[in-house]
Amino acid sequence: MAIPQIKPPSSPELASDPTLERYGDIRELLPSVEKPTPLLRLRRVLPAGPFEMFIKLEWLNPFGSIKDRTASFLLQGLEERGELEGRDLVEPSSGNTGIALAALATLTGKKITITIPDGVPEEKKVLLRMLGAEVWETPDDLCPVDHPKDGAIALARSIAESAGGERFVMPNQYENPDNVRAHYETTGPEIWKQTEGRVRYFFAGFGTCGTLTGTAKFLKEQDPNIRIVAIEPQKGHRLPGLKSFKEAKEPGILDRSLIDDVVQVDDEPAYQMTKRLFREEGLIVGPSTGAIVHAARIYAEDAEGVAVGVSPDGGLKYLSYFKELLGDEGTPSL
C-alpha cells in the first residue's frame, strides 16, 4: 500500500527570531547589551558579607570565551577598512582569540594561520586545527631575553611581513584599538546594565588588555569611583591567557591610568581556587577564572559592595592541565 504524501502548507522560510532563541547564523549569538552573557553570584568560595561577587560567564559565548567579542570586532574593523580583501589572516594567540578568529574565518572562506606558545594546552591546538587553522607552535627562545614570552607575536609579525605584506593581514589584538572598542561597546555596558549601576569593583587579568582597558574606560565614565583591579601572574606561570609583564611586553592598548590596583597571583592558589569553583559552585571554568576569583577573595577581606569579575573561558580546554593537578585523586585503590 502506497503511503500518501502530505504536502506541507506553503510558508516563508523560518527567519531568525531572538525571542524564540532561533537563529540563522552563529554570529547572531555573539553577545550584546540586549543579550548579554550572564552574571552569576558566587556564594560558597567567598566568605559571606557585604562584598557581593559576581562573575561574568564568558564561556557561554558561541566560540567559548570572552575573545569572541574581540575577534568579531577585529574582523569587522579590517573589513570596514578594506584590509581583508584578497588576504589571509595570521594572528598570535594563546588560544581563545585564535579559536574565535578561526571559527569566524570559516564563515567567510578565509584561511588563517595561528602562532601559539608551545606550552598552551593541547586541547586548544586541537580545536584550532579542527577549525581549519594552520597552527605554528613557538618556543620562548624566539624572542629577546627581556621579552621571552612574546615568541608567538614575533613569528606572526614575520609571517605578516613576508611577501611584501600583501598575502597576510594581522588583526594584532595587542595593538588594535578595535580590541578595546569591543569591550567599551559591549562588556562594559552589559555589566553596568546588569548590576543596575551598582558595580563598585571590576576584576580582569592582564592579557591583551582589551578587556581591562575597554571595560574600565566605559565603567569609569559612568562612575569614576569604580575600582579597576588587574590580575597579574608570576613570571614563569602556567595560566594561559594571562601575562606577566616581567617576561612579556605591555600591549600598546593598555591604559594604566584606568587601573587602580594590581594583584599578583601565584599558580598554586589560582588552580586551587579553580578546583573549588568546580566543586563548590559547580562551575567548569578555566584557570584564569580561578586566578581572578582568588584575587577578589583577597579584596573581599576589606571591601564591600558589588564586584564583577570576568570568567574568560571554560575548563574543558584545560583537561590535560587539570589531570596533572588531580594526580591520582579519585582513582580507586583495591
C-alpha atoms as a PDB file:
ATOM      1  CA  MET A   1       0.000   0.000   0.000  1.00  0.00           C
ATOM      2  CA  ALA A   2       1.418   3.349  -1.016  1.00  0.00           C
ATOM      3  CA  ILE A   3       1.852   5.875   1.745  1.00  0.00           C
ATOM      4  CA  PRO A   4       0.116   9.114   0.818  1.00  0.00           C
ATOM      5  CA  GLN A   5       2.445  12.101   0.545  1.00  0.00           C
ATOM      6  CA  ILE A   6       1.309  15.048   2.615  1.00  0.00           C
ATOM      7  CA  LYS A   7       2.284  18.331   1.085  1.00  0.00           C
ATOM      8  CA  PRO A   8       3.267  20.878   3.772  1.00  0.00           C
ATOM      9  CA  PRO A   9       1.497  24.188   3.663  1.00  0.00           C
ATOM     10  CA  SER A  10       3.408  26.832   1.792  1.00  0.00           C
ATOM     11  CA  SER A  11       5.019  29.335   4.129  1.00  0.00           C
ATOM     12  CA  PRO A  12       8.055  31.611   4.159  1.00  0.00           C
ATOM     13  CA  GLU A  13      11.383  30.315   5.415  1.00  0.00           C
ATOM     14  CA  LEU A  14      11.721  30.346   9.195  1.00  0.00           C
ATOM     15  CA  ALA A  15      13.557  33.582   9.904  1.00  0.00           C
ATOM     16  CA  SER A  16      15.804  34.404  12.861  1.00  0.00           C
ATOM     17  CA  ASP A  17      13.781  35.271  15.946  1.00  0.00           C
ATOM     18  CA  PRO A  18      15.746  36.030  19.135  1.00  0.00           C
ATOM     19  CA  THR A  19      12.548  35.910  21.199  1.00  0.00           C
ATOM     20  CA  LEU A  20      12.330  32.209  20.296  1.00  0.00           C
ATOM     21  CA  GLU A  21      16.113  31.674  20.514  1.00  0.00           C
ATOM     22  CA  ARG A  22      16.088  30.847  16.799  1.00  0.00           C
ATOM     23  CA  TYR A  23      18.973  31.984  14.638  1.00  0.00           C
ATOM     24  CA  GLY A  24      20.093  31.575  11.058  1.00  0.00           C
ATOM     25  CA  ASP A  25      23.788  32.310  11.627  1.00  0.00           C
ATOM     26  CA  ILE A  26      26.026  31.560  14.610  1.00  0.00           C
ATOM     27  CA  ARG A  27      27.291  35.160  14.581  1.00  0.00           C
ATOM     28  CA  GLU A  28      23.853  36.212  15.786  1.00  0.00           C
ATOM     29  CA  LEU A  29      24.706  34.514  19.100  1.00  0.00           C
ATOM     30  CA  LEU A  30      27.527  36.963  19.810  1.00  0.00           C
ATOM     31  CA  PRO A  31      26.790  38.986  22.970  1.00  0.00           C
ATOM     32  CA  SER A  32      25.383  42.498  23.126  1.00  0.00           C
ATOM     33  CA  VAL A  33      23.721  44.791  25.651  1.00  0.00           C
ATOM     34  CA  GLU A  34      20.371  43.354  24.528  1.00  0.00           C
ATOM     35  CA  LYS A  35      21.520  39.727  25.010  1.00  0.00           C
ATOM     36  CA  PRO A  36      24.445  39.784  27.451  1.00  0.00           C
ATOM     37  CA  THR A  37      26.386  36.875  28.878  1.00  0.00           C
ATOM     38  CA  PRO A  38      25.099  36.002  32.370  1.00  0.00           C
ATOM     39  CA  LEU A  39      26.312  37.342  35.688  1.00  0.00           C
ATOM     40  CA  LEU A  40      26.422  34.709  38.442  1.00  0.00           C
ATOM     41  CA  ARG A  41      26.713  35.387  42.168  1.00  0.00           C
ATOM     42  CA  LEU A  42      29.379  33.363  43.985  1.00  0.00           C
ATOM     43  CA  ARG A  43      28.057  32.271  47.377  1.00  0.00           C
ATOM     44  CA  ARG A  44      30.384  29.476  48.519  1.00  0.00           C
ATOM     45  CA  VAL A  45      34.013  30.219  47.639  1.00  0.00           C
ATOM     46  CA  LEU A  46      33.920  33.736  49.106  1.00  0.00           C
ATOM     47  CA  PRO A  47      33.017  34.496  52.724  1.00  0.00           C
ATOM     48  CA  ALA A  48      29.522  35.773  53.378  1.00  0.00           C
ATOM     49  CA  GLY A  49      29.441  39.509  53.931  1.00  0.00           C
ATOM     50  CA  PRO A  50      28.892  42.887  52.325  1.00  0.00           C
ATOM     51  CA  PHE A  51      31.151  42.040  49.357  1.00  0.00           C
ATOM     52  CA  GLU A  52      28.906  40.664  46.591  1.00  0.00           C
ATOM     53  CA  MET A  53      30.979  38.867  43.973  1.00  0.00           C
ATOM     54  CA  PHE A  54      29.538  38.101  40.533  1.00  0.00           C
ATOM     55  CA  ILE A  55      31.386  36.503  37.643  1.00  0.00           C
ATOM     56  CA  LYS A  56      30.535  37.109  34.006  1.00  0.00           C
ATOM     57  CA  LEU A  57      30.255  33.751  32.264  1.00  0.00           C
ATOM     58  CA  GLU A  58      32.071  34.469  29.027  1.00  0.00           C
ATOM     59  CA  TRP A  59      32.465  30.767  28.184  1.00  0.00           C
ATOM     60  CA  LEU A  60      28.783  30.813  27.207  1.00  0.00           C
ATOM     61  CA  ASN A  61      29.718  32.801  24.098  1.00  0.00           C
ATOM     62  CA  PRO A  62      29.317  30.802  20.860  1.00  0.00           C
ATOM     63  CA  PHE A  63      33.035  30.012  20.437  1.00  0.00           C
ATOM     64  CA  GLY A  64      33.673  29.562  24.141  1.00  0.00           C
ATOM     65  CA  SER A  65      35.413  32.649  25.502  1.00  0.00           C
ATOM     66  CA  ILE A  66      35.452  36.399  26.008  1.00  0.00           C
ATOM     67  CA  LYS A  67      37.657  36.590  22.906  1.00  0.00           C
ATOM     68  CA  ASP A  68      34.584  36.046  20.733  1.00  0.00           C
ATOM     69  CA  ARG A  69      33.892  39.740  21.293  1.00  0.00           C
ATOM     70  CA  THR A  70      37.430  40.728  20.348  1.00  0.00           C
ATOM     71  CA  ALA A  71      37.610  38.541  17.240  1.00  0.00           C
ATOM     72  CA  SER A  72      34.297  39.842  15.923  1.00  0.00           C
ATOM     73  CA  PHE A  73      35.337  43.497  16.286  1.00  0.00           C
ATOM     74  CA  LEU A  74      38.827  42.863  14.884  1.00  0.00           C
ATOM     75  CA  LEU A  75      37.433  41.315  11.707  1.00  0.00           C
ATOM     76  CA  GLN A  76      34.724  43.938  11.400  1.00  0.00           C
ATOM     77  CA  GLY A  77      37.340  46.689  11.593  1.00  0.00           C
ATOM     78  CA  LEU A  78      39.585  45.034   8.998  1.00  0.00           C
ATOM     79  CA  GLU A  79      36.661  44.609   6.630  1.00  0.00           C
ATOM     80  CA  GLU A  80      35.472  48.194   7.038  1.00  0.00           C
ATOM     81  CA  ARG A  81      38.977  49.477   6.277  1.00  0.00           C
ATOM     82  CA  GLY A  82      39.296  47.220   3.225  1.00  0.00           C
ATOM     83  CA  GLU A  83      42.290  45.377   4.716  1.00  0.00           C
ATOM     84  CA  LEU A  84      40.788  41.882   4.371  1.00  0.00           C
ATOM     85  CA  GLU A  85      40.305  41.963   0.609  1.00  0.00           C
ATOM     86  CA  GLY A  86      42.457  39.299  -1.088  1.00  0.00           C
ATOM     87  CA  ARG A  87      44.412  38.443   2.070  1.00  0.00           C
ATOM     88  CA  ASP A  88      44.622  35.560   4.516  1.00  0.00           C
ATOM     89  CA  LEU A  89      44.803  36.037   8.264  1.00  0.00           C
ATOM     90  CA  VAL A  90      47.678  35.475  10.679  1.00  0.00           C
ATOM     91  CA  GLU A  91      47.484  36.134  14.415  1.00  0.00           C
ATOM     92  CA  PRO A  92      49.426  35.262  17.585  1.00  0.00           C
ATOM     93  CA  SER A  93      47.204  33.797  20.276  1.00  0.00           C
ATOM     94  CA  SER A  94      47.284  31.755  23.473  1.00  0.00           C
ATOM     95  CA  GLY A  95      44.254  30.006  22.014  1.00  0.00           C
ATOM     96  CA  ASN A  96      40.977  31.781  22.637  1.00  0.00           C
ATOM     97  CA  THR A  97      41.263  34.667  20.163  1.00  0.00           C
ATOM     98  CA  GLY A  98      42.662  32.229  17.626  1.00  0.00           C
ATOM     99  CA  ILE A  99      39.724  29.858  18.090  1.00  0.00           C
ATOM    100  CA  ALA A 100      37.177  32.655  17.655  1.00  0.00           C
ATOM    101  CA  LEU A 101      39.005  34.101  14.639  1.00  0.00           C
ATOM    102  CA  ALA A 102      39.272  30.647  13.050  1.00  0.00           C
ATOM    103  CA  ALA A 103      35.562  29.979  13.576  1.00  0.00           C
ATOM    104  CA  LEU A 104      34.599  33.326  12.066  1.00  0.00           C
ATOM    105  CA  ALA A 105      37.076  32.857   9.218  1.00  0.00           C
ATOM    106  CA  THR A 106      35.376  29.605   8.222  1.00  0.00           C
ATOM    107  CA  LEU A 107      32.158  31.535   7.662  1.00  0.00           C
ATOM    108  CA  THR A 108      33.823  33.827   5.123  1.00  0.00           C
ATOM    109  CA  GLY A 109      36.131  31.313   3.460  1.00  0.00           C
ATOM    110  CA  LYS A 110      39.282  32.983   4.779  1.00  0.00           C
ATOM    111  CA  LYS A 111      42.392  30.941   5.561  1.00  0.00           C
ATOM    112  CA  ILE A 112      44.033  31.608   8.913  1.00  0.00           C
ATOM    113  CA  THR A 113      47.415  30.889  10.479  1.00  0.00           C
ATOM    114  CA  ILE A 114      47.746  30.980  14.267  1.00  0.00           C
ATOM    115  CA  THR A 115      51.115  31.241  16.028  1.00  0.00           C
ATOM    116  CA  ILE A 116      50.808  29.891  19.532  1.00  0.00           C
ATOM    117  CA  PRO A 117      53.169  29.352  22.501  1.00  0.00           C
ATOM    118  CA  ASP A 118      54.157  25.709  22.649  1.00  0.00           C
ATOM    119  CA  GLY A 119      53.129  25.493  26.323  1.00  0.00           C
ATOM    120  CA  VAL A 120      49.447  26.157  25.562  1.00  0.00           C
ATOM    121  CA  PRO A 121      47.152  23.196  26.410  1.00  0.00           C
ATOM    122  CA  GLU A 122      46.925  20.621  23.645  1.00  0.00           C
ATOM    123  CA  GLU A 123      43.120  20.907  23.677  1.00  0.00           C
ATOM    124  CA  LYS A 124      43.295  24.437  22.266  1.00  0.00           C
ATOM    125  CA  LYS A 125      45.653  23.398  19.474  1.00  0.00           C
ATOM    126  CA  VAL A 126      43.315  20.552  18.517  1.00  0.00           C
ATOM    127  CA  LEU A 127      40.334  22.921  18.402  1.00  0.00           C
ATOM    128  CA  LEU A 128      42.245  25.310  16.157  1.00  0.00           C
ATOM    129  CA  ARG A 129      43.156  22.529  13.750  1.00  0.00           C
ATOM    130  CA  MET A 130      39.583  21.214  13.768  1.00  0.00           C
ATOM    131  CA  LEU A 131      38.501  24.690  12.633  1.00  0.00           C
ATOM    132  CA  GLY A 132      40.937  24.514   9.746  1.00  0.00           C
ATOM    133  CA  ALA A 133      43.625  26.835  11.113  1.00  0.00           C
ATOM    134  CA  GLU A 134      47.292  26.284  10.341  1.00  0.00           C
ATOM    135  CA  VAL A 135      48.983  26.203  13.762  1.00  0.00           C
ATOM    136  CA  TRP A 136      52.615  27.174  14.307  1.00  0.00           C
ATOM    137  CA  GLU A 137      53.875  26.382  17.812  1.00  0.00           C
ATOM    138  CA  THR A 138      56.553  28.780  19.024  1.00  0.00           C
ATOM    139  CA  PRO A 139      59.273  28.219  21.644  1.00  0.00           C
ATOM    140  CA  ASP A 140      60.097  31.027  24.058  1.00  0.00           C
ATOM    141  CA  ASP A 141      63.641  31.462  22.702  1.00  0.00           C
ATOM    142  CA  LEU A 142      62.327  33.103  19.522  1.00  0.00           C
ATOM    143  CA  CYS A 143      62.300  36.403  21.409  1.00  0.00           C
ATOM    144  CA  PRO A 144      64.936  38.516  23.183  1.00  0.00           C
ATOM    145  CA  VAL A 145      65.738  37.829  26.818  1.00  0.00           C
ATOM    146  CA  ASP A 146      63.771  40.854  28.045  1.00  0.00           C
ATOM    147  CA  HIS A 147      60.508  39.573  26.478  1.00  0.00           C
ATOM    148  CA  PRO A 148      60.890  35.774  26.319  1.00  0.00           C
ATOM    149  CA  LYS A 149      57.153  35.053  26.185  1.00  0.00           C
ATOM    150  CA  ASP A 150      56.479  37.047  23.024  1.00  0.00           C
ATOM    151  CA  GLY A 151      57.737  34.464  20.540  1.00  0.00           C
ATOM    152  CA  ALA A 152      54.308  33.880  19.004  1.00  0.00           C
ATOM    153  CA  ILE A 153      53.906  37.620  18.402  1.00  0.00           C
ATOM    154  CA  ALA A 154      57.319  37.874  16.749  1.00  0.00           C
ATOM    155  CA  LEU A 155      56.611  34.920  14.444  1.00  0.00           C
ATOM    156  CA  ALA A 156      53.187  36.244  13.428  1.00  0.00           C
ATOM    157  CA  ARG A 157      54.700  39.631  12.554  1.00  0.00           C
ATOM    158  CA  SER A 158      57.361  37.917  10.480  1.00  0.00           C
ATOM    159  CA  ILE A 159      54.726  35.958   8.553  1.00  0.00           C
ATOM    160  CA  ALA A 160      52.578  39.074   8.085  1.00  0.00           C
ATOM    161  CA  GLU A 161      55.551  40.998   6.669  1.00  0.00           C
ATOM    162  CA  SER A 162      56.540  38.216   4.272  1.00  0.00           C
ATOM    163  CA  ALA A 163      55.774  38.579   0.563  1.00  0.00           C
ATOM    164  CA  GLY A 164      55.841  42.345   0.995  1.00  0.00           C
ATOM    165  CA  GLY A 165      52.880  42.283   3.348  1.00  0.00           C
ATOM    166  CA  GLU A 166      50.476  41.535   0.505  1.00  0.00           C
ATOM    167  CA  ARG A 167      49.459  37.959   1.353  1.00  0.00           C
ATOM    168  CA  PHE A 168      48.607  38.200   5.052  1.00  0.00           C
ATOM    169  CA  VAL A 169      46.889  40.664   7.328  1.00  0.00           C
ATOM    170  CA  MET A 170      47.422  40.516  11.092  1.00  0.00           C
ATOM    171  CA  PRO A 171      44.479  41.743  13.207  1.00  0.00           C
ATOM    172  CA  ASN A 172      47.027  42.367  16.011  1.00  0.00           C
ATOM    173  CA  GLN A 173      44.875  42.154  19.135  1.00  0.00           C
ATOM    174  CA  TYR A 174      47.727  43.575  21.237  1.00  0.00           C
ATOM    175  CA  GLU A 175      47.859  46.902  19.431  1.00  0.00           C
ATOM    176  CA  ASN A 176      44.499  47.208  17.669  1.00  0.00           C
ATOM    177  CA  PRO A 177      42.034  49.683  19.261  1.00  0.00           C
ATOM    178  CA  ASP A 178      39.168  47.545  17.929  1.00  0.00           C
ATOM    179  CA  ASN A 179      40.014  45.144  20.779  1.00  0.00           C
ATOM    180  CA  VAL A 180      39.335  47.956  23.252  1.00  0.00           C
ATOM    181  CA  ARG A 181      36.222  49.023  21.346  1.00  0.00           C
ATOM    182  CA  ALA A 182      34.741  45.527  21.650  1.00  0.00           C
ATOM    183  CA  HIS A 183      34.629  45.825  25.419  1.00  0.00           C
ATOM    184  CA  TYR A 184      33.825  49.530  25.538  1.00  0.00           C
ATOM    185  CA  GLU A 185      30.733  48.888  23.409  1.00  0.00           C
ATOM    186  CA  THR A 186      29.634  45.519  24.856  1.00  0.00           C
ATOM    187  CA  THR A 187      31.247  44.186  28.055  1.00  0.00           C
ATOM    188  CA  GLY A 188      31.230  47.490  29.958  1.00  0.00           C
ATOM    189  CA  PRO A 189      27.649  48.490  29.072  1.00  0.00           C
ATOM    190  CA  GLU A 190      26.425  44.956  29.822  1.00  0.00           C
ATOM    191  CA  ILE A 191      27.962  44.995  33.307  1.00  0.00           C
ATOM    192  CA  TRP A 192      26.609  48.461  34.048  1.00  0.00           C
ATOM    193  CA  LYS A 193      23.099  47.450  32.986  1.00  0.00           C
ATOM    194  CA  GLN A 194      23.167  44.040  34.680  1.00  0.00           C
ATOM    195  CA  THR A 195      24.267  45.492  38.032  1.00  0.00           C
ATOM    196  CA  GLU A 196      21.788  48.390  37.707  1.00  0.00           C
ATOM    197  CA  GLY A 197      24.725  50.777  38.009  1.00  0.00           C
ATOM    198  CA  ARG A 198      25.746  49.379  41.409  1.00  0.00           C
ATOM    199  CA  VAL A 199      29.069  47.809  40.408  1.00  0.00           C
ATOM    200  CA  ARG A 200      31.900  49.076  42.643  1.00  0.00           C
ATOM    201  CA  TYR A 201      34.775  46.790  41.571  1.00  0.00           C
ATOM    202  CA  PHE A 202      35.812  45.204  38.299  1.00  0.00           C
ATOM    203  CA  PHE A 203      38.380  42.376  38.145  1.00  0.00           C
ATOM    204  CA  ALA A 204      40.126  41.156  34.986  1.00  0.00           C
ATOM    205  CA  GLY A 205      43.514  39.715  34.123  1.00  0.00           C
ATOM    206  CA  PHE A 206      46.413  41.250  32.250  1.00  0.00           C
ATOM    207  CA  GLY A 207      46.435  39.657  28.791  1.00  0.00           C
ATOM    208  CA  THR A 208      45.977  41.570  25.567  1.00  0.00           C
ATOM    209  CA  CYS A 209      44.401  44.177  27.902  1.00  0.00           C
ATOM    210  CA  GLY A 210      41.449  44.903  25.609  1.00  0.00           C
ATOM    211  CA  THR A 211      39.013  43.655  28.260  1.00  0.00           C
ATOM    212  CA  LEU A 212      40.633  45.712  31.001  1.00  0.00           C
ATOM    213  CA  THR A 213      41.021  48.927  29.038  1.00  0.00           C
ATOM    214  CA  GLY A 214      37.693  48.903  27.199  1.00  0.00           C
ATOM    215  CA  THR A 215      35.530  47.835  30.147  1.00  0.00           C
ATOM    216  CA  ALA A 216      37.344  50.129  32.577  1.00  0.00           C
ATOM    217  CA  LYS A 217      37.013  53.105  30.242  1.00  0.00           C
ATOM    218  CA  PHE A 218      33.254  52.644  29.973  1.00  0.00           C
ATOM    219  CA  LEU A 219      32.707  51.993  33.692  1.00  0.00           C
ATOM    220  CA  LYS A 220      34.895  54.923  34.779  1.00  0.00           C
ATOM    221  CA  GLU A 221      32.877  57.215  32.506  1.00  0.00           C
ATOM    222  CA  GLN A 222      29.731  56.147  34.354  1.00  0.00           C
ATOM    223  CA  ASP A 223      31.295  56.433  37.817  1.00  0.00           C
ATOM    224  CA  PRO A 224      34.984  57.355  38.316  1.00  0.00           C
ATOM    225  CA  ASN A 225      34.902  55.815  41.807  1.00  0.00           C
ATOM    226  CA  ILE A 226      34.582  52.274  40.447  1.00  0.00           C
ATOM    227  CA  ARG A 227      37.832  50.460  41.243  1.00  0.00           C
ATOM    228  CA  ILE A 228      39.513  48.573  38.445  1.00  0.00           C
ATOM    229  CA  VAL A 229      41.650  45.662  39.645  1.00  0.00           C
ATOM    230  CA  ALA A 230      44.100  43.924  37.301  1.00  0.00           C
ATOM    231  CA  ILE A 231      45.377  40.414  37.987  1.00  0.00           C
ATOM    232  CA  GLU A 232      48.954  39.603  37.010  1.00  0.00           C
ATOM    233  CA  PRO A 233      50.525  36.135  37.192  1.00  0.00           C
ATOM    234  CA  GLN A 234      54.058  35.492  38.307  1.00  0.00           C
ATOM    235  CA  LYS A 235      56.992  35.028  35.944  1.00  0.00           C
ATOM    236  CA  GLY A 236      57.070  31.507  34.501  1.00  0.00           C
ATOM    237  CA  HIS A 237      53.367  30.928  35.267  1.00  0.00           C
ATOM    238  CA  ARG A 238      51.009  28.332  33.756  1.00  0.00           C
ATOM    239  CA  LEU A 239      47.879  30.456  33.475  1.00  0.00           C
ATOM    240  CA  PRO A 240      47.091  30.603  29.729  1.00  0.00           C
ATOM    241  CA  GLY A 241      45.594  33.879  28.569  1.00  0.00           C
ATOM    242  CA  LEU A 242      47.241  35.903  31.347  1.00  0.00           C
ATOM    243  CA  LYS A 243      50.532  37.765  31.019  1.00  0.00           C
ATOM    244  CA  SER A 244      53.270  38.670  33.433  1.00  0.00           C
ATOM    245  CA  PHE A 245      54.937  41.858  32.284  1.00  0.00           C
ATOM    246  CA  LYS A 246      58.141  40.684  33.907  1.00  0.00           C
ATOM    247  CA  GLU A 247      58.547  38.446  30.839  1.00  0.00           C
ATOM    248  CA  ALA A 248      56.268  39.978  28.194  1.00  0.00           C
ATOM    249  CA  LYS A 249      55.931  43.420  26.670  1.00  0.00           C
ATOM    250  CA  GLU A 250      52.944  45.507  27.737  1.00  0.00           C
ATOM    251  CA  PRO A 251      50.389  45.717  24.901  1.00  0.00           C
ATOM    252  CA  GLY A 252      50.053  49.108  23.272  1.00  0.00           C
ATOM    253  CA  ILE A 253      46.315  49.200  24.021  1.00  0.00           C
ATOM    254  CA  LEU A 254      46.818  49.007  27.804  1.00  0.00           C
ATOM    255  CA  ASP A 255      45.850  52.246  29.549  1.00  0.00           C
ATOM    256  CA  ARG A 256      47.355  52.029  33.031  1.00  0.00           C
ATOM    257  CA  SER A 257      45.706  55.294  34.087  1.00  0.00           C
ATOM    258  CA  LEU A 258      42.419  53.349  34.312  1.00  0.00           C
ATOM    259  CA  ILE A 259      43.785  50.713  36.717  1.00  0.00           C
ATOM    260  CA  ASP A 260      43.541  51.316  40.452  1.00  0.00           C
ATOM    261  CA  ASP A 261      45.221  48.162  41.787  1.00  0.00           C
ATOM    262  CA  VAL A 262      47.256  45.206  40.559  1.00  0.00           C
ATOM    263  CA  VAL A 263      47.093  41.882  42.417  1.00  0.00           C
ATOM    264  CA  GLN A 264      49.909  39.374  41.865  1.00  0.00           C
ATOM    265  CA  VAL A 265      48.713  35.763  41.789  1.00  0.00           C
ATOM    266  CA  ASP A 266      50.721  32.533  42.023  1.00  0.00           C
ATOM    267  CA  ASP A 267      49.776  29.411  40.076  1.00  0.00           C
ATOM    268  CA  GLU A 268      49.032  27.250  43.123  1.00  0.00           C
ATOM    269  CA  PRO A 269      46.259  29.365  44.709  1.00  0.00           C
ATOM    270  CA  ALA A 270      44.826  30.069  41.242  1.00  0.00           C
ATOM    271  CA  TYR A 271      44.500  26.354  40.493  1.00  0.00           C
ATOM    272  CA  GLN A 272      43.191  25.559  43.958  1.00  0.00           C
ATOM    273  CA  MET A 273      40.507  28.219  43.534  1.00  0.00           C
ATOM    274  CA  THR A 274      39.671  26.761  40.125  1.00  0.00           C
ATOM    275  CA  LYS A 275      39.163  23.379  41.800  1.00  0.00           C
ATOM    276  CA  ARG A 276      36.938  24.995  44.431  1.00  0.00           C
ATOM    277  CA  LEU A 277      34.830  26.666  41.731  1.00  0.00           C
ATOM    278  CA  PHE A 278      34.295  23.233  40.177  1.00  0.00           C
ATOM    279  CA  ARG A 279      33.451  21.502  43.456  1.00  0.00           C
ATOM    280  CA  GLU A 280      31.640  24.176  45.440  1.00  0.00           C
ATOM    281  CA  GLU A 281      29.954  26.281  42.761  1.00  0.00           C
ATOM    282  CA  GLY A 282      29.561  23.657  40.015  1.00  0.00           C
ATOM    283  CA  LEU A 283      31.403  25.888  37.551  1.00  0.00           C
ATOM    284  CA  ILE A 284      33.537  24.265  34.837  1.00  0.00           C
ATOM    285  CA  VAL A 285      35.931  27.179  34.369  1.00  0.00           C
ATOM    286  CA  GLY A 286      39.481  27.735  33.169  1.00  0.00           C
ATOM    287  CA  PRO A 287      42.402  28.544  35.483  1.00  0.00           C
ATOM    288  CA  SER A 288      42.360  32.281  34.666  1.00  0.00           C
ATOM    289  CA  THR A 289      38.924  32.403  36.329  1.00  0.00           C
ATOM    290  CA  GLY A 290      40.485  30.808  39.409  1.00  0.00           C
ATOM    291  CA  ALA A 291      43.201  33.485  39.419  1.00  0.00           C
ATOM    292  CA  ILE A 292      40.655  36.299  39.152  1.00  0.00           C
ATOM    293  CA  VAL A 293      38.375  34.907  41.874  1.00  0.00           C
ATOM    294  CA  HIS A 294      41.359  34.288  44.147  1.00  0.00           C
ATOM    295  CA  ALA A 295      42.346  37.946  43.763  1.00  0.00           C
ATOM    296  CA  ALA A 296      38.774  39.002  44.521  1.00  0.00           C
ATOM    297  CA  ARG A 297      38.786  36.843  47.648  1.00  0.00           C
ATOM    298  CA  ILE A 298      41.809  38.767  48.912  1.00  0.00           C
ATOM    299  CA  TYR A 299      39.963  42.006  48.193  1.00  0.00           C
ATOM    300  CA  ALA A 300      36.807  40.816  49.929  1.00  0.00           C
ATOM    301  CA  GLU A 301      38.516  40.975  53.313  1.00  0.00           C
ATOM    302  CA  ASP A 302      38.472  44.792  53.330  1.00  0.00           C
ATOM    303  CA  ALA A 303      35.805  45.771  50.788  1.00  0.00           C
ATOM    304  CA  GLU A 304      32.064  45.960  50.393  1.00  0.00           C
ATOM    305  CA  GLY A 305      29.697  46.432  47.509  1.00  0.00           C
ATOM    306  CA  VAL A 306      29.025  44.756  44.177  1.00  0.00           C
ATOM    307  CA  ALA A 307      32.029  43.309  42.370  1.00  0.00           C
ATOM    308  CA  VAL A 308      32.200  41.779  38.903  1.00  0.00           C
ATOM    309  CA  GLY A 309      34.977  39.525  37.691  1.00  0.00           C
ATOM    310  CA  VAL A 310      35.478  38.101  34.232  1.00  0.00           C
ATOM    311  CA  SER A 311      35.292  34.337  33.784  1.00  0.00           C
ATOM    312  CA  PRO A 312      37.122  34.298  30.444  1.00  0.00           C
ATOM    313  CA  ASP A 313      36.620  30.706  29.347  1.00  0.00           C
ATOM    314  CA  GLY A 314      35.543  27.195  30.288  1.00  0.00           C
ATOM    315  CA  GLY A 315      37.518  24.348  31.782  1.00  0.00           C
ATOM    316  CA  LEU A 316      37.166  21.787  29.000  1.00  0.00           C
ATOM    317  CA  LYS A 317      40.132  23.342  27.173  1.00  0.00           C
ATOM    318  CA  TYR A 318      42.433  22.563  30.109  1.00  0.00           C
ATOM    319  CA  LEU A 319      41.753  18.905  30.882  1.00  0.00           C
ATOM    320  CA  SER A 320      45.416  17.968  30.387  1.00  0.00           C
ATOM    321  CA  TYR A 321      46.421  20.630  32.927  1.00  0.00           C
ATOM    322  CA  PHE A 322      43.753  19.520  35.385  1.00  0.00           C
ATOM    323  CA  LYS A 323      44.844  15.897  35.054  1.00  0.00           C
ATOM    324  CA  GLU A 324      48.240  16.952  36.414  1.00  0.00           C
ATOM    325  CA  LEU A 325      46.544  18.940  39.197  1.00  0.00           C
ATOM    326  CA  LEU A 326      44.484  15.946  40.312  1.00  0.00           C
ATOM    327  CA  GLY A 327      47.247  13.335  40.179  1.00  0.00           C
ATOM    328  CA  ASP A 328      45.803  10.071  41.492  1.00  0.00           C
ATOM    329  CA  GLU A 329      42.932  11.772  43.281  1.00  0.00           C
ATOM    330  CA  GLY A 330      39.671   9.904  42.746  1.00  0.00           C
ATOM    331  CA  THR A 331      41.363   6.730  41.495  1.00  0.00           C
ATOM    332  CA  PRO A 332      40.008   3.737  43.421  1.00  0.00           C
ATOM    333  CA  SER A 333      42.517   1.638  45.330  1.00  0.00           C
ATOM    334  CA  LEU A 334      41.770  -2.067  45.613  1.00  0.00           C
END
